[in-house]
Every structure is written in C-alpha cells, then in structure tokens.
Amino acid sequence: MNERIDKLKAFLKDSPNDCFLNHALALEYVKLGDDKEAQKLFEHNMETDPAYVATYYHLAKLFERIGDQGEAIHTYEEGMKAAKAANDMHSYSELQSAYEDLVY
C-alpha cells in the first residue's frame, strides 16, 4: 500500500467523516485501479455531506468507467443540483459538461 494511503487512513482515524480526507483517499484508490474502495469512500461522503460537490463528479466518472451509465447520469444530475444550491457555478459547469458528453 502506498504511503499517501497510509497517511490518509491515519488522519481518518481521528476524523472519519472528514469529506476532504475521504475524497483524497478515494482518489488514491482510483489511481490504483481499486474502484470498489473508491466508490465506498465517495458514497460515504455523499451520505455524510451531500453538499460536498467534488464527490459527485468523481463518483459519476467512476460509474462511467465501470459501465453503469444510469448511475453516472443520476450522479451528475444530483451533483448539478448540489452545485447550483451552493452557487458553485464552476463545478456546475464541469458536471453539466460531463453529463452532456455522456447523454448526447
């Protein structure tokens, strides 16, 4: 296991619901090709804090990679709602672009 994963896991022992740390750990698993572990962490973030907008894009991309277009579309749609609610137009635009690339 790589050093970054070990460090992130150590930090998460003290703050298991820290969305930033969970997101960072999920991205490390994505780099390793471990989509199952990454998905668990992204989904934990969505349960813990649905307003954590960064999760939606990466989880939707994961769903695309594993061939689950329906979940990818749903996740992009939910992410656009969350980004709009947070007035995060940059993230909204990224999510919308990825959504349109998939749907059209």
Protein backbone atom coordinates (compact mmCIF):
# COMPACT_ATOMS: atom_id res chain seq x y z
CA MET A 1 0.00 0.00 0.00
CA ASN A 2 1.35 3.41 -0.78
CA GLU A 3 2.48 5.95 1.76
CA ARG A 4 -0.23 8.52 1.00
CA ILE A 5 -2.94 5.95 1.65
CA ASP A 6 -1.38 5.07 4.99
CA LYS A 7 -1.19 8.74 5.99
CA LEU A 8 -4.76 9.48 4.94
CA LYS A 9 -6.04 6.44 6.84
CA ALA A 10 -4.17 7.62 9.94
CA PHE A 11 -5.79 11.07 9.68
CA LEU A 12 -9.19 9.47 9.17
CA LYS A 13 -8.91 7.56 12.44
CA ASP A 14 -9.32 10.91 14.22
CA SER A 15 -11.84 12.36 11.73
CA PRO A 16 -13.68 9.53 9.97
CA ASN A 17 -16.30 11.83 8.45
CA ASP A 18 -13.88 14.40 7.04
CA CYS A 19 -15.05 14.68 3.43
CA PHE A 20 -11.79 16.16 2.20
CA LEU A 21 -9.75 13.27 3.63
CA ASN A 22 -12.21 10.65 2.38
CA HIS A 23 -12.20 12.26 -1.05
CA ALA A 24 -8.40 12.33 -1.16
CA LEU A 25 -8.25 8.67 -0.12
CA ALA A 26 -10.82 7.72 -2.75
CA LEU A 27 -8.72 9.43 -5.43
CA GLU A 28 -5.69 7.41 -4.31
CA TYR A 29 -7.71 4.23 -4.75
CA VAL A 30 -8.81 5.41 -8.20
CA LYS A 31 -5.14 5.83 -9.14
CA LEU A 32 -4.53 2.25 -8.03
CA GLY A 33 -7.50 0.99 -10.04
CA ASP A 34 -9.43 -0.03 -6.92
CA ASP A 35 -12.83 1.33 -7.91
CA LYS A 36 -14.69 -0.62 -5.20
CA GLU A 37 -12.81 1.08 -2.35
CA ALA A 38 -13.05 4.45 -4.07
CA GLN A 39 -16.79 4.02 -4.56
CA LYS A 40 -17.29 3.19 -0.86
CA LEU A 41 -15.50 6.39 0.15
CA PHE A 42 -17.29 8.61 -2.39
CA GLU A 43 -20.64 7.19 -1.28
CA HIS A 44 -19.70 7.72 2.37
CA ASN A 45 -19.08 11.38 1.54
CA MET A 46 -22.45 11.71 -0.15
CA GLU A 47 -24.16 10.26 2.92
CA THR A 48 -22.10 12.38 5.33
CA ASP A 49 -22.36 15.68 3.43
CA PRO A 50 -24.45 15.79 0.24
CA ALA A 51 -23.30 19.39 -0.24
CA TYR A 52 -19.67 18.28 -0.77
CA VAL A 53 -19.83 18.95 -4.50
CA ALA A 54 -16.45 17.48 -5.54
CA THR A 55 -17.67 13.97 -4.81
CA TYR A 56 -20.34 13.96 -7.50
CA TYR A 57 -18.03 14.43 -10.47
CA HIS A 58 -15.56 11.77 -9.42
CA LEU A 59 -18.21 9.25 -8.41
CA ALA A 60 -20.04 9.77 -11.72
CA LYS A 61 -16.77 9.27 -13.63
CA LEU A 62 -16.22 6.06 -11.67
CA PHE A 63 -19.70 4.85 -12.65
CA GLU A 64 -18.90 5.64 -16.28
CA ARG A 65 -15.65 3.65 -16.04
CA ILE A 66 -17.39 0.58 -14.68
CA GLY A 67 -20.14 0.81 -17.30
CA ASP A 68 -23.04 1.97 -15.12
CA GLN A 69 -24.34 4.83 -17.25
CA GLY A 70 -27.62 5.10 -15.36
CA GLU A 71 -25.89 5.76 -12.05
CA ALA A 72 -23.42 8.12 -13.73
CA ILE A 73 -26.27 10.18 -15.20
CA HIS A 74 -28.12 10.23 -11.87
CA THR A 75 -24.95 11.28 -10.02
CA TYR A 76 -24.22 14.09 -12.48
CA GLU A 77 -27.81 15.32 -12.12
CA GLU A 78 -27.63 15.28 -8.32
CA GLY A 79 -24.25 16.99 -8.47
CA MET A 80 -25.62 19.78 -10.64
CA LYS A 81 -28.40 20.33 -8.10
CA ALA A 82 -25.88 20.45 -5.24
CA ALA A 83 -23.56 22.79 -7.14
CA LYS A 84 -26.43 25.12 -8.00
CA ALA A 85 -27.59 25.14 -4.37
CA ALA A 86 -24.04 26.02 -3.29
CA ASN A 87 -23.85 28.69 -6.01
CA ASP A 88 -20.73 26.90 -7.28
CA MET A 89 -21.08 27.66 -10.97
CA HIS A 90 -17.63 26.36 -11.85
CA SER A 91 -18.46 22.88 -10.54
CA TYR A 92 -21.93 23.11 -12.06
CA SER A 93 -20.39 23.79 -15.46
CA GLU A 94 -17.96 20.86 -15.15
CA LEU A 95 -20.74 18.49 -14.10
CA GLN A 96 -23.03 19.72 -16.87
CA SER A 97 -20.32 19.28 -19.49
CA ALA A 98 -19.55 15.73 -18.37
CA TYR A 99 -23.28 14.97 -18.22
CA GLU A 100 -23.85 16.26 -21.74
CA ASP A 101 -20.85 14.31 -23.06
CA LEU A 102 -22.40 11.15 -21.66
CA VAL A 103 -26.03 11.75 -22.58
CA TYR A 104 -25.71 13.32 -26.04
